[in-house]
């Protein structure tokens, strides 16, 4: 598993934040709590919540879309 790192908030003089940041902020709404549902979390391709932090599986498309770091660094 890898922890997801939020994209940097770059101001482009627009009223809305960048699309990548808006998409990242929507991820917790569809995340599965890995501590509560470990069997589902093992095969889930979407976002996960591990110890209160946003994470994803290694083979998830989210790992290619956002910057990540190994979960062992957070422990």
N, C-alpha and C. Protein backbone atom coordinates (compact mmCIF):
# COMPACT_ATOMS: atom_id res chain seq x y z
N UNK A 1 0.83 -1.18 0.00
CA UNK A 1 0.00 0.00 0.00
C UNK A 1 0.87 1.24 0.00
N UNK A 2 0.30 2.29 -0.55
CA UNK A 2 1.01 3.57 -0.61
C UNK A 2 0.09 4.67 -0.11
N UNK A 3 0.66 5.64 0.56
CA UNK A 3 -0.08 6.82 0.99
C UNK A 3 -0.12 7.82 -0.15
N UNK A 4 -1.26 8.46 -0.35
CA UNK A 4 -1.40 9.47 -1.39
C UNK A 4 -1.00 10.83 -0.85
N UNK A 5 -0.30 11.59 -1.66
CA UNK A 5 0.13 12.94 -1.30
C UNK A 5 -0.70 13.93 -2.12
N UNK A 6 -1.27 14.90 -1.45
CA UNK A 6 -2.11 15.89 -2.13
C UNK A 6 -1.29 16.71 -3.11
N UNK A 7 -1.87 17.03 -4.27
CA UNK A 7 -1.15 17.88 -5.22
C UNK A 7 -0.98 19.29 -4.64
N UNK A 8 0.04 19.95 -5.09
CA UNK A 8 0.29 21.30 -4.59
C UNK A 8 -0.79 22.24 -5.11
N UNK A 9 -1.13 23.18 -4.26
CA UNK A 9 -2.17 24.13 -4.62
C UNK A 9 -1.53 25.33 -5.31
N UNK A 10 -1.60 25.35 -6.61
CA UNK A 10 -1.02 26.43 -7.40
C UNK A 10 -2.14 27.39 -7.79
N UNK A 11 -1.98 28.63 -7.48
CA UNK A 11 -2.99 29.62 -7.84
C UNK A 11 -2.77 30.07 -9.28
N UNK A 12 -3.80 29.96 -10.06
CA UNK A 12 -3.74 30.37 -11.46
C UNK A 12 -4.61 31.59 -11.72
N UNK A 13 -4.92 32.32 -10.66
CA UNK A 13 -5.77 33.51 -10.75
C UNK A 13 -7.17 33.14 -11.25
N UNK A 14 -7.62 31.95 -10.92
CA UNK A 14 -8.97 31.52 -11.24
C UNK A 14 -9.75 31.41 -9.93
N UNK A 15 -11.05 31.38 -10.04
CA UNK A 15 -11.86 31.26 -8.83
C UNK A 15 -11.89 29.84 -8.29
N UNK A 16 -11.64 28.83 -9.14
CA UNK A 16 -11.64 27.44 -8.72
C UNK A 16 -10.21 26.92 -8.54
N UNK A 17 -10.02 26.00 -7.59
CA UNK A 17 -8.71 25.35 -7.47
C UNK A 17 -8.47 24.45 -8.68
N UNK A 18 -7.24 24.00 -8.90
CA UNK A 18 -6.96 23.12 -10.04
C UNK A 18 -7.78 21.82 -9.97
N UNK A 19 -8.06 21.24 -11.14
CA UNK A 19 -8.88 20.04 -11.21
C UNK A 19 -8.25 18.88 -10.44
N UNK A 20 -6.94 18.74 -10.48
CA UNK A 20 -6.30 17.64 -9.75
C UNK A 20 -6.54 17.76 -8.25
N UNK A 21 -6.54 18.97 -7.72
CA UNK A 21 -6.79 19.17 -6.29
C UNK A 21 -8.26 18.93 -5.96
N UNK A 22 -9.16 19.36 -6.84
CA UNK A 22 -10.58 19.10 -6.62
C UNK A 22 -10.87 17.61 -6.64
N UNK A 23 -10.26 16.88 -7.57
CA UNK A 23 -10.45 15.43 -7.62
C UNK A 23 -9.89 14.75 -6.39
N UNK A 24 -8.73 15.21 -5.92
CA UNK A 24 -8.11 14.63 -4.73
C UNK A 24 -8.99 14.84 -3.50
N UNK A 25 -9.60 16.00 -3.38
CA UNK A 25 -10.44 16.29 -2.23
C UNK A 25 -11.74 15.49 -2.24
N UNK A 26 -12.12 14.92 -3.38
CA UNK A 26 -13.32 14.08 -3.48
C UNK A 26 -13.04 12.62 -3.12
N UNK A 27 -11.79 12.21 -3.08
CA UNK A 27 -11.44 10.81 -2.84
C UNK A 27 -11.93 10.25 -1.51
N UNK A 28 -11.88 10.98 -0.39
CA UNK A 28 -12.35 10.39 0.87
C UNK A 28 -13.82 9.99 0.84
N UNK A 29 -14.62 10.57 -0.02
CA UNK A 29 -16.04 10.22 -0.08
C UNK A 29 -16.26 8.81 -0.62
N UNK A 30 -15.34 8.30 -1.41
CA UNK A 30 -15.48 6.96 -1.98
C UNK A 30 -14.48 5.97 -1.39
N UNK A 31 -13.78 6.36 -0.36
CA UNK A 31 -12.75 5.50 0.24
C UNK A 31 -13.36 4.45 1.16
N UNK A 32 -12.68 3.32 1.23
CA UNK A 32 -13.06 2.24 2.13
C UNK A 32 -12.08 2.23 3.30
N UNK A 33 -12.61 2.05 4.50
CA UNK A 33 -11.77 1.98 5.70
C UNK A 33 -11.09 0.61 5.73
N UNK A 34 -9.79 0.59 5.52
CA UNK A 34 -9.04 -0.67 5.42
C UNK A 34 -8.97 -1.40 6.76
N UNK A 35 -9.04 -0.68 7.87
CA UNK A 35 -9.00 -1.33 9.18
C UNK A 35 -10.32 -2.04 9.47
N UNK A 36 -11.40 -1.47 8.98
CA UNK A 36 -12.72 -2.02 9.24
C UNK A 36 -13.09 -3.15 8.28
N UNK A 37 -12.66 -3.02 7.01
CA UNK A 37 -12.99 -3.99 5.97
C UNK A 37 -11.71 -4.47 5.27
N UNK A 38 -10.87 -5.27 5.94
CA UNK A 38 -9.58 -5.64 5.36
C UNK A 38 -9.69 -6.52 4.11
N UNK A 39 -10.71 -7.37 4.02
CA UNK A 39 -10.84 -8.25 2.85
C UNK A 39 -11.22 -7.44 1.62
N UNK A 40 -12.14 -6.51 1.76
CA UNK A 40 -12.50 -5.64 0.63
C UNK A 40 -11.34 -4.74 0.23
N UNK A 41 -10.63 -4.24 1.22
CA UNK A 41 -9.54 -3.30 0.94
C UNK A 41 -8.41 -3.95 0.16
N UNK A 42 -8.21 -5.25 0.34
CA UNK A 42 -7.11 -5.93 -0.35
C UNK A 42 -7.28 -5.90 -1.87
N UNK A 43 -8.51 -5.93 -2.35
CA UNK A 43 -8.77 -6.00 -3.79
C UNK A 43 -9.39 -4.71 -4.34
N UNK A 44 -9.55 -3.70 -3.53
CA UNK A 44 -10.19 -2.44 -3.94
C UNK A 44 -9.21 -1.62 -4.76
N UNK A 45 -9.64 -1.18 -5.94
CA UNK A 45 -8.78 -0.38 -6.80
C UNK A 45 -8.87 1.11 -6.51
N UNK A 46 -9.80 1.49 -5.67
CA UNK A 46 -10.00 2.90 -5.35
C UNK A 46 -9.26 3.32 -4.10
N UNK A 47 -9.63 4.47 -3.56
CA UNK A 47 -8.93 4.99 -2.38
C UNK A 47 -9.28 4.22 -1.11
N UNK A 48 -8.34 4.19 -0.19
CA UNK A 48 -8.50 3.53 1.10
C UNK A 48 -8.16 4.51 2.21
N UNK A 49 -8.70 4.26 3.37
CA UNK A 49 -8.32 5.04 4.55
C UNK A 49 -7.59 4.10 5.49
N UNK A 50 -6.32 4.40 5.74
CA UNK A 50 -5.48 3.59 6.62
C UNK A 50 -4.97 4.49 7.73
N UNK A 51 -5.37 4.18 8.95
CA UNK A 51 -4.98 4.98 10.12
C UNK A 51 -5.32 6.46 9.93
N UNK A 52 -6.45 6.74 9.32
CA UNK A 52 -6.90 8.11 9.14
C UNK A 52 -6.26 8.85 7.99
N UNK A 53 -5.44 8.17 7.18
CA UNK A 53 -4.77 8.80 6.05
C UNK A 53 -5.24 8.15 4.76
N UNK A 54 -5.24 8.92 3.69
CA UNK A 54 -5.67 8.45 2.39
C UNK A 54 -4.57 7.61 1.76
N UNK A 55 -4.93 6.42 1.30
CA UNK A 55 -3.95 5.50 0.72
C UNK A 55 -4.58 4.79 -0.47
N UNK A 56 -3.76 3.97 -1.15
CA UNK A 56 -4.25 3.15 -2.25
C UNK A 56 -3.37 1.91 -2.35
N UNK A 57 -3.86 0.90 -3.05
CA UNK A 57 -3.06 -0.30 -3.30
C UNK A 57 -1.99 0.01 -4.32
N UNK A 58 -0.95 -0.81 -4.35
CA UNK A 58 0.19 -0.58 -5.25
C UNK A 58 -0.21 -0.61 -6.72
N UNK A 59 -1.15 -1.45 -7.10
CA UNK A 59 -1.53 -1.59 -8.50
C UNK A 59 -2.74 -0.72 -8.87
N UNK A 60 -3.14 0.18 -8.01
CA UNK A 60 -4.28 1.05 -8.25
C UNK A 60 -3.93 2.14 -9.27
N UNK A 61 -4.89 2.56 -10.09
CA UNK A 61 -4.64 3.68 -11.00
C UNK A 61 -4.33 4.99 -10.26
N UNK A 62 -4.77 5.09 -9.02
CA UNK A 62 -4.47 6.29 -8.23
C UNK A 62 -2.99 6.43 -7.95
N UNK A 63 -2.28 5.30 -7.88
CA UNK A 63 -0.84 5.34 -7.62
C UNK A 63 -0.09 5.96 -8.79
N UNK A 64 -0.66 5.87 -9.98
CA UNK A 64 -0.03 6.49 -11.15
C UNK A 64 -0.47 7.93 -11.34
N UNK A 65 -1.64 8.28 -10.81
CA UNK A 65 -2.20 9.61 -11.02
C UNK A 65 -1.66 10.65 -10.01
N UNK A 66 -1.43 10.23 -8.77
CA UNK A 66 -0.98 11.13 -7.72
C UNK A 66 0.38 10.68 -7.19
N UNK A 67 1.09 11.60 -6.56
CA UNK A 67 2.34 11.26 -5.92
C UNK A 67 2.04 10.39 -4.70
N UNK A 68 2.91 9.43 -4.46
CA UNK A 68 2.70 8.50 -3.35
C UNK A 68 4.01 8.35 -2.56
N UNK A 69 3.86 7.75 -1.39
CA UNK A 69 5.02 7.34 -0.60
C UNK A 69 4.65 6.03 0.08
N UNK A 70 5.62 5.19 0.34
CA UNK A 70 5.32 3.90 0.99
C UNK A 70 4.69 4.09 2.37
N UNK A 71 3.80 3.22 2.69
CA UNK A 71 3.10 3.33 3.97
C UNK A 71 4.04 3.07 5.15
N UNK A 72 5.13 2.35 4.92
CA UNK A 72 6.08 2.07 5.99
C UNK A 72 6.79 3.32 6.49
N UNK A 73 6.87 4.36 5.65
CA UNK A 73 7.51 5.62 6.08
C UNK A 73 6.64 6.35 7.09
N UNK A 74 5.33 6.16 7.02
CA UNK A 74 4.42 6.86 7.93
C UNK A 74 4.37 6.21 9.30
N UNK A 75 4.74 4.94 9.37
CA UNK A 75 4.68 4.21 10.65
C UNK A 75 5.90 4.49 11.43
